[in-house]
Amino acid sequence: MTLTILDGGMGRELERIGAPFRQPEWSALALMEAPEMVRQVHDGYIRAGAQVITTNSYALVPFHIGEDRFRAEGEQLAALAGRLAREAADAATGVTVAGSLPPVFGSYRPDLFRDDIAQDYLSVLVRGLAPHVDVWLAETQSSLAEARAAAAAVSGTGKPLWLSFTLRDEDLPTEGTVPQLRSGEPVAEAARLAQSLGAEAMLFNCAMPEVMAPALAAARVAVPGLRLGVYANAFGDSQDEDGAANEVVSTIRDDLDPHSYCLWADRWTAQGATIIGGCCGIGTDHIHHLADHLPKAHA
């Protein structure tokens, strides 16, 4: 089985290296005030073994930078995020750039989704990122509606789409339970949607490691042959009832050191995942261990 190594979280890694980092801007602040440190994080992940790096565009939404700044600077900042990733990838060999498309109304908040303005917001990011990315990565999608909107936003770009969903993780899976998105919609429905939208891959991200293998199994049964991936977070507690992700700086659990994370990755590859990386709290050390631990991959 050929595996692809994705990078890890951007925000916590920026914080770790001392980049400007605060709420509400989150990882967007470094893009505005110290873009060279965003490039530093990309370079660090590539050295660690990442074959796919993700643009620092996740926080470029009104939720984080405000409506006025988004309207005035959103496309320009997205273009900068794309250019920084592209330059890092081009300085290496065999590295793919994934254009991050976030849930534009806040992570973990499918209840806030507005179909009437989703394309307006997403189009700003797509215009800025499109010249620089190889693949679109619609991340932390909490509902089928969010995923449909992301697919529609990139439909005319000619670039492949990876759809990544976030999962309910308050109640850890038990035998007979149905893995669900944070909206409560079944993973099986999300897999069938990904297939119908022509997504090149379906991933699960920004949820606890414990819920990933059951979700992979459900997706594999629903759509055999669909390319699957995982990049879990390291949050200390379930985020199901905590509001939007990155609304506060959540605590990081202490039992997900790089070695332990690799053991979780073994479970995911056993369930058919061929794209493995990390989300919030998973950094360059984790990716370095993954790249050494998992069979050598080719993007």
Protein backbone atom coordinates (compact mmCIF):
# COMPACT_ATOMS: atom_id res chain seq x y z
CA MET A 1 0.00 0.00 0.00
CA THR A 2 1.41 3.38 -1.06
CA LEU A 3 1.07 6.07 1.59
CA THR A 4 1.20 9.85 1.37
CA ILE A 5 2.39 11.91 4.34
CA LEU A 6 0.45 15.10 4.98
CA ASP A 7 1.79 17.92 7.16
CA GLY A 8 0.60 18.76 10.68
CA GLY A 9 -1.23 21.66 12.27
CA MET A 10 -0.23 25.20 11.36
CA GLY A 11 -1.51 27.31 14.26
CA ARG A 12 0.13 25.48 17.14
CA GLU A 13 3.36 25.15 15.19
CA LEU A 14 3.43 28.90 14.60
CA GLU A 15 2.85 29.43 18.30
CA ARG A 16 5.63 26.96 19.16
CA ILE A 17 8.25 28.80 17.08
CA GLY A 18 7.26 32.18 18.54
CA ALA A 19 5.24 33.64 15.68
CA PRO A 20 2.59 36.29 16.39
CA PHE A 21 -0.39 34.29 17.60
CA ARG A 22 -3.56 35.35 19.37
CA GLN A 23 -7.31 35.28 19.15
CA PRO A 24 -9.31 35.99 17.16
CA GLU A 25 -6.89 35.98 14.21
CA TRP A 26 -5.31 32.61 15.11
CA SER A 27 -2.89 31.46 12.38
CA ALA A 28 -3.84 34.38 10.12
CA LEU A 29 -1.94 36.79 12.38
CA ALA A 30 1.45 35.42 11.35
CA LEU A 31 0.44 35.68 7.71
CA MET A 32 -0.26 39.38 8.27
CA GLU A 33 2.67 40.26 10.51
CA ALA A 34 5.41 37.64 9.99
CA PRO A 35 4.87 35.70 6.75
CA GLU A 36 8.46 34.47 6.85
CA MET A 37 7.48 32.38 9.87
CA VAL A 38 4.68 30.74 7.90
CA ARG A 39 7.31 29.77 5.33
CA GLN A 40 9.46 28.48 8.20
CA VAL A 41 6.68 26.14 9.29
CA HIS A 42 6.19 24.85 5.74
CA ASP A 43 9.92 24.22 5.41
CA GLY A 44 9.94 22.41 8.76
CA TYR A 45 7.19 20.05 7.71
CA ILE A 46 8.92 19.30 4.42
CA ARG A 47 12.15 18.50 6.24
CA ALA A 48 10.15 16.25 8.56
CA GLY A 49 8.95 14.24 5.58
CA ALA A 50 5.62 15.79 4.58
CA GLN A 51 4.80 15.20 0.93
CA VAL A 52 1.76 17.49 1.04
CA ILE A 53 1.81 20.91 2.69
CA THR A 54 -1.33 22.90 3.35
CA THR A 55 -1.72 26.62 2.76
CA ASN A 56 -2.12 28.82 5.83
CA SER A 57 -5.56 29.99 4.74
CA TYR A 58 -7.74 28.22 7.30
CA ALA A 59 -8.28 31.33 9.43
CA LEU A 60 -8.82 33.70 6.50
CA VAL A 61 -12.55 33.98 7.16
CA PRO A 62 -14.67 36.70 8.81
CA PHE A 63 -14.99 34.52 11.92
CA HIS A 64 -11.28 35.11 12.58
CA ILE A 65 -10.24 38.30 10.78
CA GLY A 66 -13.55 40.20 10.70
CA GLU A 67 -15.86 41.02 7.83
CA ASP A 68 -14.22 44.33 6.93
CA ARG A 69 -10.69 42.96 6.73
CA PHE A 70 -11.91 39.89 4.86
CA ARG A 71 -13.54 42.07 2.23
CA ALA A 72 -10.55 44.39 1.94
CA GLU A 73 -7.66 41.92 2.22
CA GLY A 74 -9.01 38.37 2.05
CA GLU A 75 -8.04 37.58 -1.52
CA GLN A 76 -4.63 39.20 -1.15
CA LEU A 77 -3.92 37.25 2.05
CA ALA A 78 -5.07 34.01 0.43
CA ALA A 79 -2.71 34.67 -2.47
CA LEU A 80 0.13 35.23 -0.01
CA ALA A 81 -0.70 31.99 1.80
CA GLY A 82 -0.68 30.16 -1.53
CA ARG A 83 2.57 31.74 -2.67
CA LEU A 84 4.40 30.89 0.56
CA ALA A 85 3.41 27.24 0.29
CA ARG A 86 4.22 27.13 -3.42
CA GLU A 87 7.69 28.58 -2.87
CA ALA A 88 8.39 26.06 -0.10
CA ALA A 89 7.22 23.17 -2.27
CA ASP A 90 9.19 24.34 -5.30
CA ALA A 91 12.35 24.54 -3.20
CA ALA A 92 11.95 20.83 -2.45
CA THR A 93 11.25 17.77 -4.60
CA GLY A 94 7.95 15.97 -5.00
CA VAL A 95 5.92 18.15 -2.63
CA THR A 96 2.25 18.88 -3.34
CA VAL A 97 0.48 22.07 -2.23
CA ALA A 98 -3.04 21.65 -0.85
CA GLY A 99 -5.20 24.76 -0.80
CA SER A 100 -7.01 24.87 2.54
CA LEU A 101 -10.70 25.75 2.32
CA PRO A 102 -12.15 26.03 5.83
CA PRO A 103 -15.75 25.94 6.99
CA VAL A 104 -16.34 29.64 6.38
CA PHE A 105 -18.83 30.18 9.23
CA GLY A 106 -16.68 28.62 11.96
CA SER A 107 -15.39 25.15 12.69
CA TYR A 108 -17.77 22.64 14.28
CA ARG A 109 -20.73 24.94 13.60
CA PRO A 110 -22.89 23.34 10.93
CA ASP A 111 -25.81 25.21 12.51
CA LEU A 112 -24.36 28.51 11.28
CA PHE A 113 -24.03 27.45 7.65
CA ARG A 114 -25.70 29.79 5.16
CA ASP A 115 -25.95 28.50 1.64
CA ASP A 116 -26.92 31.95 0.34
CA ILE A 117 -23.53 33.51 1.12
CA ALA A 118 -21.18 30.51 1.33
CA GLN A 119 -20.07 30.89 -2.30
CA ASP A 120 -19.42 34.58 -1.78
CA TYR A 121 -16.96 33.82 1.01
CA LEU A 122 -15.38 30.76 -0.59
CA SER A 123 -14.85 32.50 -3.93
CA VAL A 124 -12.52 35.01 -2.28
CA LEU A 125 -10.25 32.22 -1.03
CA VAL A 126 -10.41 30.27 -4.28
CA ARG A 127 -9.41 33.28 -6.38
CA GLY A 128 -6.40 34.00 -4.18
CA LEU A 129 -5.21 30.43 -3.83
CA ALA A 130 -5.93 28.98 -7.28
CA PRO A 131 -2.71 30.04 -9.07
CA HIS A 132 -0.55 28.38 -6.41
CA VAL A 133 -2.15 25.08 -5.36
CA ASP A 134 -2.16 21.58 -6.81
CA VAL A 135 -5.19 20.21 -5.00
CA TRP A 136 -8.05 21.65 -2.95
CA LEU A 137 -8.41 20.46 0.64
CA ALA A 138 -11.83 21.33 2.06
CA GLU A 139 -11.07 20.83 5.74
CA THR A 140 -13.05 20.25 8.92
CA GLN A 141 -16.33 19.97 7.05
CA SER A 142 -19.02 19.39 9.68
CA SER A 143 -21.92 18.71 7.36
CA LEU A 144 -22.86 17.56 3.89
CA ALA A 145 -23.99 21.11 3.08
CA GLU A 146 -20.54 22.54 3.85
CA ALA A 147 -18.93 19.91 1.61
CA ARG A 148 -21.32 20.61 -1.26
CA ALA A 149 -20.51 24.32 -1.03
CA ALA A 150 -16.76 23.69 -1.11
CA ALA A 151 -17.08 21.41 -4.12
CA ALA A 152 -19.16 23.99 -5.96
CA ALA A 153 -16.61 26.72 -5.20
CA VAL A 154 -13.75 24.84 -6.90
CA SER A 155 -15.72 23.15 -9.67
CA GLY A 156 -14.33 25.35 -12.43
CA THR A 157 -10.68 25.36 -11.40
CA GLY A 158 -9.57 22.11 -13.00
CA LYS A 159 -7.83 20.99 -9.80
CA PRO A 160 -8.73 17.86 -7.81
CA LEU A 161 -10.67 18.05 -4.55
CA TRP A 162 -10.01 16.30 -1.26
CA LEU A 163 -12.96 16.47 1.15
CA SER A 164 -12.10 16.18 4.83
CA PHE A 165 -14.84 15.81 7.43
CA THR A 166 -14.73 16.30 11.20
CA LEU A 167 -16.48 13.78 13.43
CA ARG A 168 -18.50 13.73 16.61
CA ASP A 169 -16.15 12.56 19.35
CA GLU A 170 -17.97 13.29 22.61
CA ASP A 171 -19.19 9.70 22.83
CA LEU A 172 -16.41 7.42 21.67
CA PRO A 173 -17.53 4.66 19.31
CA THR A 174 -18.84 1.38 20.70
CA GLU A 175 -19.91 -1.73 18.85
CA GLY A 176 -22.98 -1.01 16.78
CA THR A 177 -22.74 2.79 16.87
CA VAL A 178 -22.82 4.72 13.61
CA PRO A 179 -19.91 7.16 13.06
CA GLN A 180 -21.28 10.65 12.50
CA LEU A 181 -20.20 14.06 11.29
CA ARG A 182 -20.57 16.86 13.82
CA SER A 183 -23.90 17.63 12.16
CA GLY A 184 -25.15 14.18 13.16
CA GLU A 185 -25.18 12.98 9.54
CA PRO A 186 -23.74 9.47 9.04
CA VAL A 187 -20.23 9.03 7.68
CA ALA A 188 -21.61 6.62 5.10
CA GLU A 189 -23.67 9.45 3.59
CA ALA A 190 -20.59 11.67 3.51
CA ALA A 191 -18.66 8.96 1.65
CA ARG A 192 -21.40 8.60 -0.94
CA LEU A 193 -21.49 12.38 -1.32
CA ALA A 194 -17.72 12.53 -1.82
CA GLN A 195 -18.04 9.95 -4.56
CA SER A 196 -20.92 11.77 -6.24
CA LEU A 197 -19.00 15.06 -6.17
CA GLY A 198 -16.00 13.46 -7.83
CA ALA A 199 -13.67 14.01 -4.87
CA GLU A 200 -10.27 12.43 -5.38
CA ALA A 201 -10.04 11.53 -1.69
CA MET A 202 -12.09 11.63 1.50
CA LEU A 203 -10.38 12.32 4.79
CA PHE A 204 -11.26 12.80 8.45
CA ASN A 205 -9.61 15.54 10.49
CA CYS A 206 -9.81 17.64 13.65
CA ALA A 207 -11.35 14.95 15.84
CA MET A 208 -9.91 12.56 18.41
CA PRO A 209 -7.80 9.64 17.15
CA GLU A 210 -10.21 7.20 18.77
CA VAL A 211 -13.04 7.95 16.33
CA MET A 212 -11.04 7.71 13.12
CA ALA A 213 -10.82 3.95 12.53
CA PRO A 214 -14.61 3.36 12.86
CA ALA A 215 -15.23 6.24 10.44
CA LEU A 216 -12.76 4.78 7.95
CA ALA A 217 -14.48 1.41 8.19
CA ALA A 218 -17.89 2.97 7.58
CA ALA A 219 -16.63 4.92 4.58
CA ARG A 220 -14.91 1.87 3.12
CA VAL A 221 -18.10 -0.19 3.35
CA ALA A 222 -20.22 2.60 1.86
CA VAL A 223 -17.90 3.31 -1.09
CA PRO A 224 -15.33 0.57 -1.72
CA GLY A 225 -12.25 1.90 -3.47
CA LEU A 226 -12.60 5.51 -2.28
CA ARG A 227 -9.19 6.93 -1.34
CA LEU A 228 -9.18 7.66 2.40
CA GLY A 229 -7.05 9.64 4.83
CA VAL A 230 -6.79 10.82 8.43
CA TYR A 231 -5.25 13.73 10.29
CA ALA A 232 -6.43 13.78 13.90
CA ASN A 233 -6.15 16.53 16.48
CA ALA A 234 -4.56 16.33 19.91
CA PHE A 235 -7.20 18.19 21.90
CA GLY A 236 -7.49 17.08 25.50
CA ASP A 237 -11.28 16.89 25.42
CA SER A 238 -14.07 16.45 22.93
CA GLN A 239 -14.95 19.70 21.17
CA ASP A 240 -18.54 18.68 20.40
CA GLU A 241 -20.10 21.06 22.86
CA ASP A 242 -17.35 23.69 23.09
CA GLY A 243 -18.43 25.92 20.22
CA ALA A 244 -16.22 26.61 17.24
CA ALA A 245 -12.78 25.08 17.05
CA ASN A 246 -9.99 27.63 17.59
CA GLU A 247 -12.42 29.94 19.38
CA VAL A 248 -10.24 29.37 22.42
CA VAL A 249 -6.77 27.83 22.75
CA SER A 250 -7.78 24.32 23.76
CA THR A 251 -5.63 22.13 25.97
CA ILE A 252 -3.52 19.44 24.32
CA ARG A 253 -3.56 15.88 25.65
CA ASP A 254 -0.31 14.47 26.97
CA ASP A 255 -0.69 10.91 25.69
CA LEU A 256 -0.18 11.71 22.00
CA ASP A 257 3.59 11.91 21.75
CA PRO A 258 5.02 11.08 18.31
CA HIS A 259 5.41 7.38 19.10
CA SER A 260 1.84 7.05 20.34
CA TYR A 261 0.49 8.92 17.33
CA CYS A 262 2.29 6.45 15.04
CA LEU A 263 0.48 3.58 16.77
CA TRP A 264 -2.83 5.25 15.98
CA ALA A 265 -1.67 5.68 12.39
CA ASP A 266 -1.11 1.93 12.20
CA ARG A 267 -4.80 1.41 13.02
CA TRP A 268 -5.84 3.88 10.34
CA THR A 269 -3.71 2.29 7.63
CA ALA A 270 -5.14 -1.09 8.65
CA GLN A 271 -8.57 0.36 7.84
CA GLY A 272 -7.43 1.51 4.42
CA ALA A 273 -6.16 5.07 4.98
CA THR A 274 -3.46 6.03 2.49
CA ILE A 275 -3.07 9.72 3.42
CA ILE A 276 -1.85 10.33 6.98
CA GLY A 277 -0.96 13.59 8.71
CA GLY A 278 -1.89 15.67 11.73
CA CYS A 279 -4.23 18.48 12.72
CA CYS A 280 -4.29 20.81 15.77
CA GLY A 281 -1.51 19.97 18.22
CA ILE A 282 0.28 17.54 15.90
CA GLY A 283 3.59 19.09 14.93
CA THR A 284 6.82 18.50 13.05
CA ASP A 285 8.11 15.87 15.50
CA HIS A 286 4.97 13.81 14.93
CA ILE A 287 5.29 14.11 11.14
CA HIS A 288 8.97 13.18 11.27
CA HIS A 289 8.12 10.02 13.21
CA LEU A 290 5.25 9.20 10.85
CA ALA A 291 7.50 9.54 7.82
CA ASP A 292 10.04 7.20 9.39
CA HIS A 293 7.47 4.78 10.80
CA LEU A 294 5.12 4.29 7.87
CA PRO A 295 6.13 2.63 4.61
CA LYS A 296 7.83 5.07 2.30
CA ALA A 297 5.24 6.91 0.26
CA HIS A 298 4.97 8.69 -3.03
CA ALA A 299 2.56 11.60 -3.40
